Protein backbone atom coordinates (compact mmCIF):
# COMPACT_ATOMS: atom_id res chain seq x y z
CA MET A 1 0.00 0.00 0.00
CA ASP A 2 1.38 3.41 -0.98
CA LEU A 3 -0.17 5.72 1.60
CA VAL A 4 0.63 8.96 -0.25
CA GLN A 5 -0.84 7.66 -3.50
CA ASP A 6 -3.86 6.07 -1.79
CA LEU A 7 -4.70 9.31 0.05
CA ALA A 8 -4.47 11.29 -3.20
CA GLU A 9 -6.66 8.76 -5.02
CA GLY A 10 -9.15 8.77 -2.16
CA GLN A 11 -9.39 12.56 -2.40
CA ALA A 12 -9.90 12.39 -6.17
CA THR A 13 -12.46 9.57 -6.15
CA GLY A 14 -14.42 10.50 -3.05
CA THR A 15 -13.29 7.44 -1.08
CA ARG A 16 -11.06 9.36 1.34
CA ARG A 17 -13.34 8.82 4.37
CA GLU A 18 -13.50 5.08 3.69
CA LEU A 19 -9.70 4.83 3.46
CA ILE A 20 -9.20 6.79 6.69
CA GLY A 21 -11.77 4.57 8.38
CA ARG A 22 -9.89 1.42 7.31
CA LEU A 23 -6.58 2.86 8.54
CA CYS A 24 -8.14 3.61 11.91
CA LYS A 25 -9.55 0.12 12.42
CA VAL A 26 -6.47 -2.06 12.01
CA ASP A 27 -4.86 -3.37 15.20
CA LEU A 28 -1.40 -2.18 14.20
CA LEU A 29 -0.73 0.52 11.62
CA VAL A 30 2.79 0.43 10.17
CA ILE A 31 4.01 3.41 8.16
CA GLU A 32 7.45 2.87 6.70
CA ASP A 33 9.82 5.51 5.37
CA LEU A 34 7.77 8.60 6.18
CA GLY A 35 9.46 11.48 4.42
CA MET A 36 10.71 9.64 1.38
CA ARG A 37 8.12 11.61 -0.59
CA ARG A 38 6.67 14.95 0.38
CA LEU A 39 3.01 14.80 1.32
CA SER A 40 0.41 17.16 -0.10
CA SER A 41 -1.28 19.40 2.45
CA ASN A 42 -4.44 17.29 2.14
CA ALA A 43 -2.49 14.07 2.72
CA ALA A 44 -0.73 15.55 5.76
CA GLU A 45 -4.08 16.56 7.25
CA ASP A 46 -5.47 13.09 6.51
CA LEU A 47 -2.48 11.54 8.27
CA LEU A 48 -3.09 13.78 11.27
CA GLU A 49 -6.72 12.66 11.32
CA VAL A 50 -5.65 9.01 11.33
CA PHE A 51 -3.16 9.63 14.15
CA THR A 52 -5.72 11.60 16.14
CA ARG A 53 -8.43 8.96 15.76
CA ARG A 54 -6.00 6.16 16.66
CA TYR A 55 -4.58 8.05 19.63
CA GLU A 56 -4.78 5.73 22.66
CA GLN A 57 -6.91 3.35 20.57
CA GLY A 58 -4.43 1.48 18.40
CA ALA A 59 -0.72 1.04 17.94
CA ILE A 60 1.34 2.78 15.27
CA ILE A 61 4.84 1.91 14.15
CA LEU A 62 6.43 4.67 12.13
CA THR A 63 9.84 4.61 10.50
CA THR A 64 11.65 7.52 8.92
CA ASN A 65 15.17 8.56 8.13
CA ARG A 66 14.30 12.24 8.55
CA PRO A 67 15.13 14.08 11.78
CA LEU A 68 12.20 15.45 13.79
CA GLU A 69 13.10 19.04 12.89
CA ASP A 70 12.45 18.22 9.18
CA TRP A 71 8.92 16.93 9.72
CA GLY A 72 7.29 20.31 9.09
CA GLN A 73 8.92 20.44 5.67
CA VAL A 74 8.20 16.79 4.88
CA LEU A 75 4.54 17.14 5.84
CA GLY A 76 4.25 20.57 4.27
CA ASP A 77 2.76 22.02 7.45
CA THR A 78 4.59 22.66 10.71
CA ALA A 79 1.35 22.75 12.73
CA VAL A 80 0.36 19.29 11.45
CA ALA A 81 3.86 17.98 12.13
CA GLY A 82 3.73 19.34 15.67
CA ALA A 83 0.34 17.76 16.30
CA ILE A 84 1.48 14.36 15.02
CA LEU A 85 4.63 14.47 17.12
CA ASP A 86 2.51 15.46 20.11
CA ARG A 87 0.49 12.24 19.73
CA PHE A 88 3.71 10.21 19.88
CA LEU A 89 5.57 12.11 22.56
CA THR A 90 2.65 12.49 24.97
CA GLY A 91 2.90 8.76 25.66
CA LEU A 92 6.25 9.31 27.29
CA ASP A 93 4.46 10.74 30.31
CA ARG A 94 2.95 7.30 30.95
CA GLY A 95 6.26 5.50 30.61
CA ASP A 96 5.80 4.30 27.03
CA GLN A 97 8.98 3.86 25.06
CA VAL A 98 9.98 5.72 21.92
CA SER A 99 13.13 4.55 20.19
CA TYR A 100 15.34 6.82 18.15
CA LEU A 101 17.84 4.68 16.26
């Protein structure tokens, strides 16, 4: 599944809500290589919606080779990048582990 392409197609065909719903229902969502391609502003907002709806509801594994300070550029929106990072980093208050390799 190519998330960037699927989000763009969902926007174009009117199936965006269905795709976001499917992404929110899986037990474990794995997103590999975030930042290899720049997201459109719509795709970045869709990704934020998925992260927000999954927050404390389902697990997410995310891999990227981009440093955190580049996420605003990669996502095309620093506010969206900050909100997504907030969903991940808030868990640290409860003792969850985040690994930076």
